[in-house]
Amino acid sequence: MKPFIFCTLVLLFIIPAKAQDPYKDSIDHFIANYVNSHQVVPAAQRKWFRFFPVSKSYRVTAHFKKTTDSPWISIPTSSGKSKQYRIYGWLTFKLNGSKQKLAVYQSQFLLQHNEYFDYLFLPFKDATNGKESYETGRYLDLKISDIRDGRIVLDFNKAYNPYCAYVSGRYSCPVPPKENHLKIAISAGEKQFAKQ
């Protein structure tokens, strides 16, 4: 066997091929797009974004139960004003072996705009708030069309901070209601903005 071919074969066995992880790649793409197109943080300050390591364990399938005749309620915001939402349904799921329950909301304001008619809002707090993640809580965006056969995928790797995490006093960010305060740590998604 020629020395060149022999060395090439040896290298193929010694140097492991880079493992492909389509899921991690998709989340990395989501994060890059989120950072690069952020509407509040100037480009020069985007280096201060921080995220937990991507983990598939924080991507779960939740059972969805729609509420009927849910009244509009006032949810307080960071500015002291309130915004009108209603509980669209309840999500139950297991995360790291423990059962969890969250309410998912529909915005009265967004229902008036055709492009957001499908939009659902999931604000939540967890044990990382005020330590590793933003103190007031984080958000997930969902769509009614994401619900299939009474189930919906929740990917906490896509959890993001409200605008108030970067600029105080300019925005009215909904504060997660008590029913969406989780006792466990959600070590996924966006962390506290580093430039505080």
Protein backbone atom coordinates (compact mmCIF):
# COMPACT_ATOMS: atom_id res chain seq x y z
CA MET A 1 0.00 0.00 0.00
CA LYS A 2 1.32 3.43 -0.87
CA PRO A 3 2.36 5.55 2.13
CA PHE A 4 -0.04 8.39 1.16
CA ILE A 5 -3.08 6.12 0.99
CA PHE A 6 -2.08 4.39 4.23
CA CYS A 7 -1.74 7.71 6.10
CA THR A 8 -5.07 8.91 4.74
CA LEU A 9 -6.82 5.75 5.97
CA VAL A 10 -5.19 6.06 9.38
CA LEU A 11 -6.34 9.67 9.69
CA LEU A 12 -9.90 8.70 8.79
CA PHE A 13 -9.98 6.32 11.75
CA ILE A 14 -8.10 8.56 14.19
CA ILE A 15 -9.92 11.84 13.53
CA PRO A 16 -13.62 11.32 14.23
CA ALA A 17 -16.02 12.94 11.83
CA LYS A 18 -17.81 15.96 13.24
CA ALA A 19 -21.15 14.75 14.53
CA GLN A 20 -24.07 16.37 12.81
CA ASP A 21 -26.95 17.46 15.03
CA PRO A 22 -29.77 18.92 12.91
CA TYR A 23 -31.76 19.93 16.01
CA LYS A 24 -28.89 21.90 17.56
CA ASP A 25 -28.14 23.44 14.17
CA SER A 26 -31.78 24.58 13.88
CA ILE A 27 -31.68 26.19 17.34
CA ASP A 28 -28.33 27.84 16.61
CA HIS A 29 -29.89 29.24 13.43
CA PHE A 30 -32.93 30.46 15.39
CA ILE A 31 -30.69 32.19 17.96
CA ALA A 32 -28.47 33.80 15.30
CA ASN A 33 -31.53 35.13 13.49
CA TYR A 34 -33.03 36.36 16.78
CA VAL A 35 -29.85 38.23 17.71
CA ASN A 36 -29.10 39.66 14.27
CA SER A 37 -32.62 40.95 13.69
CA HIS A 38 -33.33 42.23 17.22
CA GLN A 39 -35.40 45.40 17.09
CA VAL A 40 -34.34 46.92 20.42
CA VAL A 41 -30.68 46.06 20.99
CA PRO A 42 -28.31 48.01 18.70
CA ALA A 43 -25.88 45.96 16.61
CA ALA A 44 -22.89 47.18 18.64
CA GLN A 45 -24.41 45.76 21.85
CA ARG A 46 -25.57 42.39 20.51
CA LYS A 47 -22.39 40.73 21.71
CA TRP A 48 -23.93 40.90 25.21
CA PHE A 49 -26.64 38.35 24.43
CA ARG A 50 -26.23 35.10 26.37
CA PHE A 51 -27.99 31.73 26.05
CA PHE A 52 -28.06 28.47 27.94
CA PRO A 53 -26.49 25.50 26.12
CA VAL A 54 -28.96 23.89 23.73
CA SER A 55 -30.56 20.81 25.26
CA LYS A 56 -33.16 18.52 23.72
CA SER A 57 -34.47 17.75 27.21
CA TYR A 58 -36.13 21.19 27.17
CA ARG A 59 -38.10 20.40 24.04
CA VAL A 60 -41.27 18.68 25.21
CA THR A 61 -44.65 17.71 23.85
CA ALA A 62 -47.46 19.17 25.95
CA HIS A 63 -51.08 18.10 26.15
CA PHE A 64 -53.35 21.01 25.26
CA LYS A 65 -56.81 21.57 26.72
CA LYS A 66 -58.76 24.51 25.30
CA THR A 67 -60.74 26.71 27.67
CA THR A 68 -64.34 27.57 26.88
CA ASP A 69 -65.85 31.01 27.45
CA SER A 70 -62.63 32.30 28.96
CA PRO A 71 -63.09 35.92 30.08
CA TRP A 72 -60.73 38.72 29.15
CA ILE A 73 -58.43 39.54 32.06
CA SER A 74 -56.06 42.41 32.75
CA ILE A 75 -52.44 41.32 32.97
CA PRO A 76 -50.10 43.86 34.61
CA THR A 77 -47.08 45.08 32.68
CA SER A 78 -43.70 46.53 33.61
CA SER A 79 -44.98 50.07 32.98
CA GLY A 80 -47.87 49.75 35.43
CA LYS A 81 -50.44 49.59 32.65
CA SER A 82 -52.46 46.46 31.93
CA LYS A 83 -53.06 44.51 28.74
CA GLN A 84 -56.07 42.39 27.93
CA TYR A 85 -55.58 38.66 27.48
CA ARG A 86 -57.64 35.54 27.90
CA ILE A 87 -56.51 32.04 28.74
CA TYR A 88 -56.77 30.19 25.45
CA GLY A 89 -55.93 26.86 27.02
CA TRP A 90 -53.83 24.85 29.44
CA LEU A 91 -50.64 22.95 28.74
CA THR A 92 -49.57 19.96 30.82
CA PHE A 93 -46.25 18.24 30.31
CA LYS A 94 -43.35 16.52 32.01
CA LEU A 95 -40.01 18.23 32.24
CA ASN A 96 -37.02 16.40 33.67
CA GLY A 97 -39.37 13.89 35.25
CA SER A 98 -41.74 16.34 36.99
CA LYS A 99 -45.27 17.30 35.92
CA GLN A 100 -45.82 20.93 34.96
CA LYS A 101 -48.79 23.06 33.98
CA LEU A 102 -48.89 26.41 32.17
CA ALA A 103 -51.60 28.67 30.77
CA VAL A 104 -51.27 29.89 27.19
CA TYR A 105 -52.85 33.25 26.37
CA GLN A 106 -54.49 35.07 23.49
CA SER A 107 -54.09 38.84 23.15
CA GLN A 108 -57.19 40.97 22.62
CA PHE A 109 -55.11 43.59 20.78
CA LEU A 110 -53.46 41.11 18.40
CA LEU A 111 -56.82 39.53 17.52
CA GLN A 112 -57.64 42.79 15.76
CA HIS A 113 -54.80 42.22 13.28
CA ASN A 114 -55.16 39.47 10.71
CA GLU A 115 -51.43 38.67 10.61
CA TYR A 116 -51.47 37.84 14.35
CA PHE A 117 -54.82 36.05 14.55
CA ASP A 118 -53.01 32.71 14.96
CA TYR A 119 -50.68 34.03 17.67
CA LEU A 120 -50.53 32.60 21.20
CA PHE A 121 -48.47 33.95 24.08
CA LEU A 122 -46.73 31.93 26.80
CA PRO A 123 -45.13 34.07 29.53
CA PHE A 124 -43.46 32.17 32.38
CA LYS A 125 -41.20 32.46 35.38
CA ASP A 126 -38.88 29.77 36.73
CA ALA A 127 -36.18 29.22 39.32
CA THR A 128 -33.47 30.83 37.14
CA ASN A 129 -35.11 34.30 37.19
CA GLY A 130 -33.00 36.97 38.85
CA LYS A 131 -29.97 34.68 38.80
CA GLU A 132 -29.13 33.32 35.37
CA SER A 133 -32.12 34.69 33.48
CA TYR A 134 -34.07 37.95 33.44
CA GLU A 135 -35.71 38.60 36.81
CA THR A 136 -39.26 39.28 35.61
CA GLY A 137 -39.59 36.21 33.40
CA ARG A 138 -39.36 35.09 29.81
CA TYR A 139 -41.66 34.39 26.88
CA LEU A 140 -42.40 31.75 24.26
CA ASP A 141 -44.34 32.41 21.06
CA LEU A 142 -46.77 29.76 19.85
CA LYS A 143 -49.43 29.45 17.17
CA ILE A 144 -52.89 27.93 17.19
CA SER A 145 -51.88 26.07 14.04
CA ASP A 146 -49.06 24.41 16.04
CA ILE A 147 -51.69 22.47 18.02
CA ARG A 148 -52.28 19.05 16.50
CA ASP A 149 -54.46 16.31 17.96
CA GLY A 150 -54.52 18.03 21.34
CA ARG A 151 -50.74 18.36 21.53
CA ILE A 152 -48.19 21.08 20.99
CA VAL A 153 -44.40 21.17 21.13
CA LEU A 154 -42.84 23.53 23.66
CA ASP A 155 -39.21 24.31 22.98
CA PHE A 156 -37.75 26.25 25.89
CA ASN A 157 -34.49 26.60 23.95
CA LYS A 158 -36.44 29.35 22.13
CA ALA A 159 -37.44 31.20 25.31
CA TYR A 160 -36.59 34.88 25.02
CA ASN A 161 -36.50 38.03 27.14
CA PRO A 162 -39.07 40.82 26.94
CA TYR A 163 -37.86 44.15 25.57
CA CYS A 164 -37.80 45.50 29.13
CA ALA A 165 -34.75 43.33 29.79
CA TYR A 166 -32.72 45.71 27.60
CA VAL A 167 -34.45 49.10 27.88
CA SER A 168 -36.31 50.14 31.01
CA GLY A 169 -39.28 52.50 30.96
CA ARG A 170 -39.94 52.42 27.21
CA TYR A 171 -42.03 49.28 26.91
CA SER A 172 -45.04 47.70 28.60
CA CYS A 173 -43.98 44.09 29.00
CA PRO A 174 -46.59 41.67 30.39
CA VAL A 175 -45.58 40.17 33.73
CA PRO A 176 -46.13 36.37 33.84
CA PRO A 177 -49.24 35.65 35.98
CA LYS A 178 -48.97 33.46 39.07
CA GLU A 179 -50.36 30.40 37.30
CA ASN A 180 -47.27 30.47 35.09
CA HIS A 181 -44.68 30.55 37.86
CA LEU A 182 -42.73 27.30 37.70
CA LYS A 183 -40.80 26.11 40.75
CA ILE A 184 -38.25 24.28 38.63
CA ALA A 185 -35.30 25.79 36.75
CA ILE A 186 -35.64 26.14 32.99
CA SER A 187 -31.96 26.16 32.05
CA ALA A 188 -32.69 26.78 28.38
CA GLY A 189 -33.20 29.74 26.11
CA GLU A 190 -32.04 33.29 26.66
CA LYS A 191 -30.09 34.26 29.76
CA GLN A 192 -29.82 37.62 31.47
CA PHE A 193 -28.52 40.28 29.07
CA ALA A 194 -24.84 40.65 30.02
CA LYS A 195 -24.67 44.45 29.74
CA GLN A 196 -26.63 45.51 32.84
